[in-house]
């Protein structure tokens, strides 16, 4: 469980005592609502919703992490799956670096 720490400073008989106390906080994994779950219009992501998917992607075509998107676990997994399906369907352009050397990867593609 994630918790915040507060620092308590006390002066007793001319001696300063510094203590740390844990303050329980909410864990990111226990988030109940996200931007897609609390939307007035029910959003069920599909691989063809390119405009919605692009909002959660970096310039190189990878999906932003859950800490940045603010999505719940289920929606994040659905988002990642839909982005991969859209890549496979050719809906996103190839955004790899033009001078990227793939020669090291040839041994893996047998």
PDB file of N, CA and C in Angstrom:
ATOM      1  N   UNK A   1       0.840  -1.173   0.000  1.00  0.00           N
ATOM      2  CA  UNK A   1       0.000   0.000   0.000  1.00  0.00           C
ATOM      3  C   UNK A   1       0.881   1.230   0.000  1.00  0.00           C
ATOM      4  N   UNK A   2       0.521   2.195  -0.815  1.00  0.00           N
ATOM      5  CA  UNK A   2       1.268   3.429  -0.880  1.00  0.00           C
ATOM      6  C   UNK A   2       0.863   4.311   0.289  1.00  0.00           C
ATOM      7  N   UNK A   3       1.817   5.057   0.807  1.00  0.00           N
ATOM      8  CA  UNK A   3       1.502   5.978   1.890  1.00  0.00           C
ATOM      9  C   UNK A   3       2.423   7.174   1.797  1.00  0.00           C
ATOM     10  N   UNK A   4       1.933   8.290   2.283  1.00  0.00           N
ATOM     11  CA  UNK A   4       2.734   9.496   2.357  1.00  0.00           C
ATOM     12  C   UNK A   4       3.378   9.552   3.728  1.00  0.00           C
ATOM     13  N   UNK A   5       4.460  10.281   3.832  1.00  0.00           N
ATOM     14  CA  UNK A   5       5.166  10.399   5.103  1.00  0.00           C
ATOM     15  C   UNK A   5       5.139  11.856   5.519  1.00  0.00           C
ATOM     16  N   UNK A   6       4.705  12.104   6.740  1.00  0.00           N
ATOM     17  CA  UNK A   6       4.735  13.459   7.280  1.00  0.00           C
ATOM     18  C   UNK A   6       5.830  13.531   8.336  1.00  0.00           C
ATOM     19  N   UNK A   7       6.505  14.657   8.381  1.00  0.00           N
ATOM     20  CA  UNK A   7       7.592  14.869   9.335  1.00  0.00           C
ATOM     21  C   UNK A   7       7.049  15.701  10.486  1.00  0.00           C
ATOM     22  N   UNK A   8       7.234  15.181  11.702  1.00  0.00           N
ATOM     23  CA  UNK A   8       6.767  15.864  12.910  1.00  0.00           C
ATOM     24  C   UNK A   8       7.996  16.303  13.696  1.00  0.00           C
ATOM     25  N   UNK A   9       8.034  17.577  14.039  1.00  0.00           N
ATOM     26  CA  UNK A   9       9.169  18.131  14.779  1.00  0.00           C
ATOM     27  C   UNK A   9       8.664  18.611  16.138  1.00  0.00           C
ATOM     28  N   UNK A  10       9.220  18.059  17.214  1.00  0.00           N
ATOM     29  CA  UNK A  10       8.810  18.410  18.576  1.00  0.00           C
ATOM     30  C   UNK A  10      10.024  18.901  19.353  1.00  0.00           C
ATOM     31  N   UNK A  11       9.799  19.876  20.220  1.00  0.00           N
ATOM     32  CA  UNK A  11      10.863  20.360  21.101  1.00  0.00           C
ATOM     33  C   UNK A  11      10.491  19.968  22.524  1.00  0.00           C
ATOM     34  N   UNK A  12      11.306  19.108  23.137  1.00  0.00           N
ATOM     35  CA  UNK A  12      11.059  18.641  24.499  1.00  0.00           C
ATOM     36  C   UNK A  12      12.300  18.903  25.347  1.00  0.00           C
ATOM     37  N   UNK A  13      12.146  19.730  26.372  1.00  0.00           N
ATOM     38  CA  UNK A  13      13.235  20.047  27.306  1.00  0.00           C
ATOM     39  C   UNK A  13      14.494  20.514  26.580  1.00  0.00           C
ATOM     40  N   UNK A  14      14.342  21.365  25.599  1.00  0.00           N
ATOM     41  CA  UNK A  14      15.489  21.891  24.881  1.00  0.00           C
ATOM     42  C   UNK A  14      16.054  20.955  23.835  1.00  0.00           C
ATOM     43  N   UNK A  15      15.444  19.801  23.646  1.00  0.00           N
ATOM     44  CA  UNK A  15      15.899  18.833  22.653  1.00  0.00           C
ATOM     45  C   UNK A  15      14.854  18.748  21.542  1.00  0.00           C
ATOM     46  N   UNK A  16      15.326  18.857  20.326  1.00  0.00           N
ATOM     47  CA  UNK A  16      14.426  18.763  19.182  1.00  0.00           C
ATOM     48  C   UNK A  16      14.354  17.313  18.725  1.00  0.00           C
ATOM     49  N   UNK A  17      13.135  16.793  18.685  1.00  0.00           N
ATOM     50  CA  UNK A  17      12.911  15.418  18.250  1.00  0.00           C
ATOM     51  C   UNK A  17      12.171  15.468  16.916  1.00  0.00           C
ATOM     52  N   UNK A  18      12.773  14.834  15.918  1.00  0.00           N
ATOM     53  CA  UNK A  18      12.155  14.772  14.592  1.00  0.00           C
ATOM     54  C   UNK A  18      11.687  13.341  14.372  1.00  0.00           C
ATOM     55  N   UNK A  19      10.402  13.195  14.060  1.00  0.00           N
ATOM     56  CA  UNK A  19       9.835  11.865  13.835  1.00  0.00           C
ATOM     57  C   UNK A  19       9.081  11.864  12.508  1.00  0.00           C
ATOM     58  N   UNK A  20       9.042  10.690  11.908  1.00  0.00           N
ATOM     59  CA  UNK A  20       8.286  10.528  10.670  1.00  0.00           C
ATOM     60  C   UNK A  20       7.087   9.638  10.948  1.00  0.00           C
ATOM     61  N   UNK A  21       5.963  10.028  10.379  1.00  0.00           N
ATOM     62  CA  UNK A  21       4.731   9.281  10.596  1.00  0.00           C
ATOM     63  C   UNK A  21       4.099   8.990   9.240  1.00  0.00           C
ATOM     64  N   UNK A  22       3.688   7.753   9.061  1.00  0.00           N
ATOM     65  CA  UNK A  22       3.060   7.371   7.795  1.00  0.00           C
ATOM     66  C   UNK A  22       1.605   7.821   7.764  1.00  0.00           C
ATOM     67  N   UNK A  23       1.235   8.430   6.654  1.00  0.00           N
ATOM     68  CA  UNK A  23      -0.145   8.835   6.424  1.00  0.00           C
ATOM     69  C   UNK A  23      -0.648   7.982   5.270  1.00  0.00           C
ATOM     70  N   UNK A  24      -1.621   7.105   5.516  1.00  0.00           N
ATOM     71  CA  UNK A  24      -2.076   6.220   4.432  1.00  0.00           C
ATOM     72  C   UNK A  24      -2.701   7.015   3.291  1.00  0.00           C
ATOM     73  N   UNK A  25      -2.375   6.590   2.086  1.00  0.00           N
ATOM     74  CA  UNK A  25      -2.903   7.248   0.898  1.00  0.00           C
ATOM     75  C   UNK A  25      -3.457   6.222  -0.062  1.00  0.00           C
ATOM     76  N   UNK A  26      -4.055   6.712  -1.118  1.00  0.00           N
ATOM     77  CA  UNK A  26      -4.658   5.819  -2.114  1.00  0.00           C
ATOM     78  C   UNK A  26      -3.594   5.317  -3.076  1.00  0.00           C
ATOM     79  N   UNK A  27      -3.666   4.075  -3.384  1.00  0.00           N
ATOM     80  CA  UNK A  27      -2.755   3.448  -4.339  1.00  0.00           C
ATOM     81  C   UNK A  27      -3.253   3.705  -5.757  1.00  0.00           C
ATOM     82  N   UNK A  28      -2.347   3.901  -6.716  1.00  0.00           N
ATOM     83  CA  UNK A  28      -2.803   4.083  -8.095  1.00  0.00           C
ATOM     84  C   UNK A  28      -3.540   2.869  -8.648  1.00  0.00           C
ATOM     85  N   UNK A  29      -3.263   1.682  -8.117  1.00  0.00           N
ATOM     86  CA  UNK A  29      -3.935   0.496  -8.638  1.00  0.00           C
ATOM     87  C   UNK A  29      -5.372   0.373  -8.139  1.00  0.00           C
ATOM     88  N   UNK A  30      -5.744   1.177  -7.131  1.00  0.00           N
ATOM     89  CA  UNK A  30      -7.108   1.110  -6.621  1.00  0.00           C
ATOM     90  C   UNK A  30      -7.983   2.218  -7.193  1.00  0.00           C
ATOM     91  N   UNK A  31      -7.535   2.869  -8.259  1.00  0.00           N
ATOM     92  CA  UNK A  31      -8.351   3.906  -8.866  1.00  0.00           C
ATOM     93  C   UNK A  31      -9.615   3.263  -9.423  1.00  0.00           C
ATOM     94  N   UNK A  32     -10.766   3.800  -9.053  1.00  0.00           N
ATOM     95  CA  UNK A  32     -12.027   3.208  -9.476  1.00  0.00           C
ATOM     96  C   UNK A  32     -12.546   3.819 -10.769  1.00  0.00           C
ATOM     97  N   UNK A  33     -12.244   5.093 -10.979  1.00  0.00           N
ATOM     98  CA  UNK A  33     -12.809   5.777 -12.129  1.00  0.00           C
ATOM     99  C   UNK A  33     -11.696   6.401 -12.956  1.00  0.00           C
ATOM    100  N   UNK A  34     -11.878   6.380 -14.231  1.00  0.00           N
ATOM    101  CA  UNK A  34     -10.903   6.988 -15.128  1.00  0.00           C
ATOM    102  C   UNK A  34     -11.656   7.871 -16.122  1.00  0.00           C
ATOM    103  N   UNK A  35     -10.918   8.481 -17.032  1.00  0.00           N
ATOM    104  CA  UNK A  35     -11.522   9.402 -17.991  1.00  0.00           C
ATOM    105  C   UNK A  35     -12.512   8.696 -18.915  1.00  0.00           C
ATOM    106  N   UNK A  36     -12.254   7.463 -19.256  1.00  0.00           N
ATOM    107  CA  UNK A  36     -13.159   6.746 -20.161  1.00  0.00           C
ATOM    108  C   UNK A  36     -14.346   6.137 -19.421  1.00  0.00           C
ATOM    109  N   UNK A  37     -14.156   5.746 -18.157  1.00  0.00           N
ATOM    110  CA  UNK A  37     -15.253   5.136 -17.394  1.00  0.00           C
ATOM    111  C   UNK A  37     -16.272   6.171 -16.928  1.00  0.00           C
ATOM    112  N   UNK A  38     -15.835   7.399 -16.638  1.00  0.00           N
ATOM    113  CA  UNK A  38     -16.735   8.413 -16.099  1.00  0.00           C
ATOM    114  C   UNK A  38     -17.309   9.319 -17.175  1.00  0.00           C
ATOM    115  N   UNK A  39     -17.042   9.029 -18.426  1.00  0.00           N
ATOM    116  CA  UNK A  39     -17.544   9.846 -19.527  1.00  0.00           C
ATOM    117  C   UNK A  39     -19.072   9.713 -19.617  1.00  0.00           C
ATOM    118  N   UNK A  40     -19.757  10.819 -19.953  1.00  0.00           N
ATOM    119  CA  UNK A  40     -21.218  10.784 -20.080  1.00  0.00           C
ATOM    120  C   UNK A  40     -21.657   9.842 -21.197  1.00  0.00           C
ATOM    121  N   UNK A  41     -20.874   9.805 -22.263  1.00  0.00           N
ATOM    122  CA  UNK A  41     -21.162   8.899 -23.368  1.00  0.00           C
ATOM    123  C   UNK A  41     -20.379   7.620 -23.110  1.00  0.00           C
ATOM    124  N   UNK A  42     -21.025   6.475 -23.070  1.00  0.00           N
ATOM    125  CA  UNK A  42     -20.262   5.244 -22.827  1.00  0.00           C
ATOM    126  C   UNK A  42     -19.287   4.978 -23.974  1.00  0.00           C
ATOM    127  N   UNK A  43     -18.011   4.892 -23.625  1.00  0.00           N
ATOM    128  CA  UNK A  43     -16.962   4.707 -24.625  1.00  0.00           C
ATOM    129  C   UNK A  43     -16.469   3.274 -24.554  1.00  0.00           C
ATOM    130  N   UNK A  44     -16.679   2.537 -25.614  1.00  0.00           N
ATOM    131  CA  UNK A  44     -16.082   1.208 -25.731  1.00  0.00           C
ATOM    132  C   UNK A  44     -15.066   1.305 -26.855  1.00  0.00           C
ATOM    133  N   UNK A  45     -13.796   1.265 -26.478  1.00  0.00           N
ATOM    134  CA  UNK A  45     -12.733   1.474 -27.450  1.00  0.00           C
ATOM    135  C   UNK A  45     -12.720   0.381 -28.499  1.00  0.00           C
ATOM    136  N   UNK A  46     -12.412   0.793 -29.700  1.00  0.00           N
ATOM    137  CA  UNK A  46     -12.249  -0.130 -30.807  1.00  0.00           C
ATOM    138  C   UNK A  46     -10.973   0.253 -31.543  1.00  0.00           C
ATOM    139  N   UNK A  47     -10.413  -0.677 -32.284  1.00  0.00           N
ATOM    140  CA  UNK A  47      -9.177  -0.382 -33.003  1.00  0.00           C
ATOM    141  C   UNK A  47      -9.390   0.659 -34.095  1.00  0.00           C
ATOM    142  N   UNK A  48     -10.623   0.880 -34.510  1.00  0.00           N
ATOM    143  CA  UNK A  48     -10.899   1.845 -35.568  1.00  0.00           C
ATOM    144  C   UNK A  48     -11.092   3.264 -35.046  1.00  0.00           C
ATOM    145  N   UNK A  49     -11.099   3.459 -33.731  1.00  0.00           N
ATOM    146  CA  UNK A  49     -11.232   4.794 -33.141  1.00  0.00           C
ATOM    147  C   UNK A  49      -9.861   5.462 -33.073  1.00  0.00           C
ATOM    148  N   UNK A  50      -9.336   5.808 -34.228  1.00  0.00           N
ATOM    149  CA  UNK A  50      -7.963   6.295 -34.323  1.00  0.00           C
ATOM    150  C   UNK A  50      -7.787   7.626 -33.601  1.00  0.00           C
ATOM    151  N   UNK A  51      -8.762   8.511 -33.666  1.00  0.00           N
ATOM    152  CA  UNK A  51      -8.623   9.817 -33.026  1.00  0.00           C
ATOM    153  C   UNK A  51      -8.557   9.699 -31.509  1.00  0.00           C
ATOM    154  N   UNK A  52      -9.302   8.787 -30.933  1.00  0.00           N
ATOM    155  CA  UNK A  52      -9.244   8.577 -29.483  1.00  0.00           C
ATOM    156  C   UNK A  52      -7.933   7.904 -29.110  1.00  0.00           C
ATOM    157  N   UNK A  53      -7.521   6.925 -29.878  1.00  0.00           N
ATOM    158  CA  UNK A  53      -6.289   6.196 -29.565  1.00  0.00           C
ATOM    159  C   UNK A  53      -5.062   7.097 -29.649  1.00  0.00           C
ATOM    160  N   UNK A  54      -5.039   8.036 -30.602  1.00  0.00           N
ATOM    161  CA  UNK A  54      -3.886   8.919 -30.756  1.00  0.00           C
ATOM    162  C   UNK A  54      -3.687   9.827 -29.555  1.00  0.00           C
ATOM    163  N   UNK A  55      -4.739  10.094 -28.794  1.00  0.00           N
ATOM    164  CA  UNK A  55      -4.613  10.956 -27.620  1.00  0.00           C
ATOM    165  C   UNK A  55      -3.809  10.295 -26.512  1.00  0.00           C
ATOM    166  N   UNK A  56      -3.691   8.986 -26.547  1.00  0.00           N
ATOM    167  CA  UNK A  56      -2.981   8.246 -25.512  1.00  0.00           C
ATOM    168  C   UNK A  56      -1.661   7.673 -26.024  1.00  0.00           C
ATOM    169  N   UNK A  57      -1.138   8.227 -27.125  1.00  0.00           N
ATOM    170  CA  UNK A  57       0.085   7.692 -27.728  1.00  0.00           C
ATOM    171  C   UNK A  57       1.176   8.747 -27.784  1.00  0.00           C
ATOM    172  N   UNK A  58       2.421   8.268 -27.779  1.00  0.00           N
ATOM    173  CA  UNK A  58       3.571   9.145 -27.993  1.00  0.00           C
ATOM    174  C   UNK A  58       3.747   9.361 -29.486  1.00  0.00           C
ATOM    175  N   UNK A  59       4.720  10.222 -29.827  1.00  0.00           N
ATOM    176  CA  UNK A  59       4.970  10.509 -31.240  1.00  0.00           C
ATOM    177  C   UNK A  59       5.521   9.302 -31.987  1.00  0.00           C
ATOM    178  N   UNK A  60       6.224   8.413 -31.269  1.00  0.00           N
ATOM    179  CA  UNK A  60       6.799   7.249 -31.947  1.00  0.00           C
ATOM    180  C   UNK A  60       5.814   6.092 -32.071  1.00  0.00           C
ATOM    181  N   UNK A  61       4.579   6.265 -31.606  1.00  0.00           N
ATOM    182  CA  UNK A  61       3.555   5.239 -31.776  1.00  0.00           C
ATOM    183  C   UNK A  61       3.366   4.324 -30.592  1.00  0.00           C
ATOM    184  N   UNK A  62       4.090   4.549 -29.498  1.00  0.00           N
ATOM    185  CA  UNK A  62       3.925   3.713 -28.313  1.00  0.00           C
ATOM    186  C   UNK A  62       2.862   4.312 -27.400  1.00  0.00           C
ATOM    187  N   UNK A  63       2.282   3.477 -26.565  1.00  0.00           N
ATOM    188  CA  UNK A  63       1.221   3.911 -25.660  1.00  0.00           C
ATOM    189  C   UNK A  63       1.842   4.535 -24.414  1.00  0.00           C
ATOM    190  N   UNK A  64       1.245   5.628 -23.950  1.00  0.00           N
ATOM    191  CA  UNK A  64       1.708   6.266 -22.721  1.00  0.00           C
ATOM    192  C   UNK A  64       1.443   5.346 -21.535  1.00  0.00           C
ATOM    193  N   UNK A  65       2.263   5.422 -20.479  1.00  0.00           N
ATOM    194  CA  UNK A  65       2.029   4.570 -19.311  1.00  0.00           C
ATOM    195  C   UNK A  65       0.773   4.980 -18.555  1.00  0.00           C
ATOM    196  N   UNK A  66       0.307   4.094 -17.739  1.00  0.00           N
ATOM    197  CA  UNK A  66      -0.937   4.289 -17.003  1.00  0.00           C
ATOM    198  C   UNK A  66      -0.872   5.486 -16.055  1.00  0.00           C
ATOM    199  N   UNK A  67       0.322   5.770 -15.524  1.00  0.00           N
ATOM    200  CA  UNK A  67       0.474   6.906 -14.621  1.00  0.00           C
ATOM    201  C   UNK A  67       0.201   8.226 -15.335  1.00  0.00           C
ATOM    202  N   UNK A  68       0.491   8.287 -16.623  1.00  0.00           N
ATOM    203  CA  UNK A  68       0.264   9.514 -17.381  1.00  0.00           C
ATOM    204  C   UNK A  68      -1.135   9.582 -17.977  1.00  0.00           C
ATOM    205  N   UNK A  69      -1.677   8.456 -18.391  1.00  0.00           N
ATOM    206  CA  UNK A  69      -3.005   8.473 -19.005  1.00  0.00           C
ATOM    207  C   UNK A  69      -4.108   8.643 -17.974  1.00  0.00           C
ATOM    208  N   UNK A  70      -3.895   8.143 -16.762  1.00  0.00           N
ATOM    209  CA  UNK A  70      -4.916   8.242 -15.726  1.00  0.00           C
ATOM    210  C   UNK A  70      -6.054   7.259 -15.917  1.00  0.00           C
ATOM    211  N   UNK A  71      -5.850   6.223 -16.714  1.00  0.00           N
ATOM    212  CA  UNK A  71      -6.897   5.239 -16.958  1.00  0.00           C
ATOM    213  C   UNK A  71      -6.851   4.135 -15.909  1.00  0.00           C
ATOM    214  N   UNK A  72      -7.980   3.479 -15.723  1.00  0.00           N
ATOM    215  CA  UNK A  72      -8.005   2.331 -14.823  1.00  0.00           C
ATOM    216  C   UNK A  72      -7.327   1.151 -15.522  1.00  0.00           C
ATOM    217  N   UNK A  73      -7.099   0.094 -14.779  1.00  0.00           N
ATOM    218  CA  UNK A  73      -6.338  -1.039 -15.310  1.00  0.00           C
ATOM    219  C   UNK A  73      -7.026  -1.678 -16.516  1.00  0.00           C
ATOM    220  N   UNK A  74      -8.328  -1.854 -16.427  1.00  0.00           N
ATOM    221  CA  UNK A  74      -9.060  -2.485 -17.524  1.00  0.00           C
ATOM    222  C   UNK A  74      -9.039  -1.660 -18.801  1.00  0.00           C
ATOM    223  N   UNK A  75      -9.247  -0.352 -18.670  1.00  0.00           N
ATOM    224  CA  UNK A  75      -9.245   0.514 -19.849  1.00  0.00           C
ATOM    225  C   UNK A  75      -7.843   0.637 -20.444  1.00  0.00           C
ATOM    226  N   UNK A  76      -6.804   0.619 -19.588  1.00  0.00           N
ATOM    227  CA  UNK A  76      -5.433   0.691 -20.095  1.00  0.00           C
ATOM    228  C   UNK A  76      -5.101  -0.552 -20.926  1.00  0.00           C
ATOM    229  N   UNK A  77      -5.501  -1.721 -20.438  1.00  0.00           N
ATOM    230  CA  UNK A  77      -5.254  -2.950 -21.196  1.00  0.00           C
ATOM    231  C   UNK A  77      -6.027  -2.955 -22.508  1.00  0.00           C
ATOM    232  N   UNK A  78      -7.270  -2.485 -22.474  1.00  0.00           N
ATOM    233  CA  UNK A  78      -8.076  -2.405 -23.693  1.00  0.00           C
ATOM    234  C   UNK A  78      -7.455  -1.411 -24.681  1.00  0.00           C
ATOM    235  N   UNK A  79      -6.945  -0.287 -24.149  1.00  0.00           N
ATOM    236  CA  UNK A  79      -6.302   0.715 -24.994  1.00  0.00           C
ATOM    237  C   UNK A  79      -5.069   0.137 -25.687  1.00  0.00           C
ATOM    238  N   UNK A  80      -4.225  -0.564 -24.929  1.00  0.00           N
ATOM    239  CA  UNK A  80      -3.012  -1.144 -25.508  1.00  0.00           C
ATOM    240  C   UNK A  80      -3.347  -2.182 -26.576  1.00  0.00           C
ATOM    241  N   UNK A  81      -4.367  -2.988 -26.324  1.00  0.00           N
ATOM    242  CA  UNK A  81      -4.778  -3.999 -27.301  1.00  0.00           C
ATOM    243  C   UNK A  81      -5.316  -3.335 -28.576  1.00  0.00           C
ATOM    244  N   UNK A  82      -6.114  -2.279 -28.422  1.00  0.00           N
ATOM    245  CA  UNK A  82      -6.673  -1.591 -29.589  1.00  0.00           C
ATOM    246  C   UNK A  82      -5.588  -0.891 -30.404  1.00  0.00           C
ATOM    247  N   UNK A  83      -4.578  -0.335 -29.732  1.00  0.00           N
ATOM    248  CA  UNK A  83      -3.482   0.311 -30.455  1.00  0.00           C
ATOM    249  C   UNK A  83      -2.716  -0.720 -31.274  1.00  0.00           C
ATOM    250  N   UNK A  84      -2.467  -1.886 -30.690  1.00  0.00           N
ATOM    251  CA  UNK A  84      -1.768  -2.936 -31.435  1.00  0.00           C
ATOM    252  C   UNK A  84      -2.602  -3.401 -32.633  1.00  0.00           C
ATOM    253  N   UNK A  85      -3.910  -3.554 -32.448  1.00  0.00           N
ATOM    254  CA  UNK A  85      -4.770  -3.972 -33.550  1.00  0.00           C
ATOM    255  C   UNK A  85      -4.786  -2.920 -34.657  1.00  0.00           C
ATOM    256  N   UNK A  86      -4.781  -1.633 -34.270  1.00  0.00           N
ATOM    257  CA  UNK A  86      -4.765  -0.564 -35.265  1.00  0.00           C
ATOM    258  C   UNK A  86      -3.445  -0.552 -36.028  1.00  0.00           C
ATOM    259  N   UNK A  87      -2.333  -0.828 -35.338  1.00  0.00           N
ATOM    260  CA  UNK A  87      -1.041  -0.929 -36.021  1.00  0.00           C
ATOM    261  C   UNK A  87      -1.066  -2.072 -37.026  1.00  0.00           C
ATOM    262  N   UNK A  88      -1.580  -3.231 -36.611  1.00  0.00           N
ATOM    263  CA  UNK A  88      -1.639  -4.402 -37.488  1.00  0.00           C
ATOM    264  C   UNK A  88      -2.544  -4.161 -38.693  1.00  0.00           C
ATOM    265  N   UNK A  89      -3.610  -3.371 -38.478  1.00  0.00           N
ATOM    266  CA  UNK A  89      -4.541  -3.086 -39.567  1.00  0.00           C
ATOM    267  C   UNK A  89      -4.015  -1.990 -40.494  1.00  0.00           C
ATOM    268  N   UNK A  90      -2.903  -1.347 -40.128  1.00  0.00           N
ATOM    269  CA  UNK A  90      -2.318  -0.310 -40.970  1.00  0.00           C
ATOM    270  C   UNK A  90      -2.985   1.037 -40.835  1.00  0.00           C
ATOM    271  N   UNK A  91      -3.679   1.290 -39.725  1.00  0.00           N
ATOM    272  CA  UNK A  91      -4.363   2.563 -39.535  1.00  0.00           C
ATOM    273  C   UNK A  91      -3.433   3.666 -39.043  1.00  0.00           C
ATOM    274  N   UNK A  92      -2.286   3.293 -38.490  1.00  0.00           N
ATOM    275  CA  UNK A  92      -1.296   4.271 -38.052  1.00  0.00           C
ATOM    276  C   UNK A  92      -0.114   4.216 -39.009  1.00  0.00           C
ATOM    277  N   UNK A  93       0.459   5.379 -39.328  1.00  0.00           N
ATOM    278  CA  UNK A  93       1.638   5.350 -40.201  1.00  0.00           C
ATOM    279  C   UNK A  93       2.837   4.764 -39.468  1.00  0.00           C
ATOM    280  N   UNK A  94       3.799   4.280 -40.226  1.00  0.00           N
ATOM    281  CA  UNK A  94       5.027   3.744 -39.648  1.00  0.00           C
ATOM    282  C   UNK A  94       5.865   4.920 -39.164  1.00  0.00           C
ATOM    283  N   UNK A  95       6.051   5.029 -37.867  1.00  0.00           N
ATOM    284  CA  UNK A  95       6.727   6.189 -37.290  1.00  0.00           C
ATOM    285  C   UNK A  95       8.124   5.859 -36.784  1.00  0.00           C
ATOM    286  N   UNK A  96       8.733   4.836 -37.325  1.00  0.00           N
ATOM    287  CA  UNK A  96      10.085   4.508 -36.891  1.00  0.00           C
ATOM    288  C   UNK A  96      11.064   5.518 -37.473  1.00  0.00           C
ATOM    289  N   UNK A  97      12.195   5.634 -36.854  1.00  0.00           N
ATOM    290  CA  UNK A  97      13.221   6.568 -37.285  1.00  0.00           C
ATOM    291  C   UNK A  97      13.770   6.084 -38.628  1.00  0.00           C
ATOM    292  N   UNK A  98      13.907   6.974 -39.626  1.00  0.00           N
ATOM    293  CA  UNK A  98      14.345   6.523 -40.949  1.00  0.00           C
ATOM    294  C   UNK A  98      15.728   5.869 -40.953  1.00  0.00           C
ATOM    295  N   UNK A  99      16.647   6.341 -40.120  1.00  0.00           N
ATOM    296  CA  UNK A  99      18.008   5.805 -40.100  1.00  0.00           C
ATOM    297  C   UNK A  99      18.173   4.691 -39.074  1.00  0.00           C
ATOM    298  N   UNK A 100      17.082   4.097 -38.622  1.00  0.00           N
ATOM    299  CA  UNK A 100      17.141   3.067 -37.594  1.00  0.00           C
ATOM    300  C   UNK A 100      17.748   1.794 -38.167  1.00  0.00           C
ATOM    301  N   UNK A 101      18.786   1.287 -37.524  1.00  0.00           N
ATOM    302  CA  UNK A 101      19.487   0.097 -38.003  1.00  0.00           C
ATOM    303  C   UNK A 101      18.838  -1.146 -37.402  1.00  0.00           C
ATOM    304  N   UNK A 102      18.193  -1.944 -38.224  1.00  0.00           N
ATOM    305  CA  UNK A 102      17.526  -3.153 -37.753  1.00  0.00           C
ATOM    306  C   UNK A 102      18.388  -4.399 -37.948  1.00  0.00           C
ATOM    307  N   UNK A 103      19.656  -4.214 -38.265  1.00  0.00           N
ATOM    308  CA  UNK A 103      20.504  -5.372 -38.546  1.00  0.00           C
ATOM    309  C   UNK A 103      20.675  -6.264 -37.323  1.00  0.00           C
ATOM    310  N   UNK A 104      20.618  -5.694 -36.131  1.00  0.00           N
ATOM    311  CA  UNK A 104      20.741  -6.502 -34.931  1.00  0.00           C
ATOM    312  C   UNK A 104      19.541  -7.387 -34.693  1.00  0.00           C
ATOM    313  N   UNK A 105      18.430  -7.065 -35.318  1.00  0.00           N
ATOM    314  CA  UNK A 105      17.206  -7.819 -35.103  1.00  0.00           C
ATOM    315  C   UNK A 105      17.031  -8.944 -36.115  1.00  0.00           C
ATOM    316  N   UNK A 106      17.927  -9.041 -37.087  1.00  0.00           N
ATOM    317  CA  UNK A 106      17.770 -10.065 -38.118  1.00  0.00           C
ATOM    318  C   UNK A 106      17.898 -11.467 -37.547  1.00  0.00           C
ATOM    319  N   UNK A 107      18.691 -11.615 -36.507  1.00  0.00           N
ATOM    320  CA  UNK A 107      18.862 -12.948 -35.945  1.00  0.00           C
ATOM    321  C   UNK A 107      17.603 -13.437 -35.239  1.00  0.00           C
ATOM    322  N   UNK A 108      16.711 -12.507 -34.867  1.00  0.00           N
ATOM    323  CA  UNK A 108      15.484 -12.899 -34.190  1.00  0.00           C
ATOM    324  C   UNK A 108      14.365 -13.232 -35.172  1.00  0.00           C
ATOM    325  N   UNK A 109      14.464 -12.766 -36.402  1.00  0.00           N
ATOM    326  CA  UNK A 109      13.392 -13.011 -37.378  1.00  0.00           C
ATOM    327  C   UNK A 109      13.829 -14.105 -38.346  1.00  0.00           C
ATOM    328  N   UNK A 110      13.815 -15.318 -37.894  1.00  0.00           N
ATOM    329  CA  UNK A 110      14.240 -16.454 -38.715  1.00  0.00           C
ATOM    330  C   UNK A 110      13.060 -17.096 -39.382  1.00  0.00           C
TER     331      UNK A 110
END
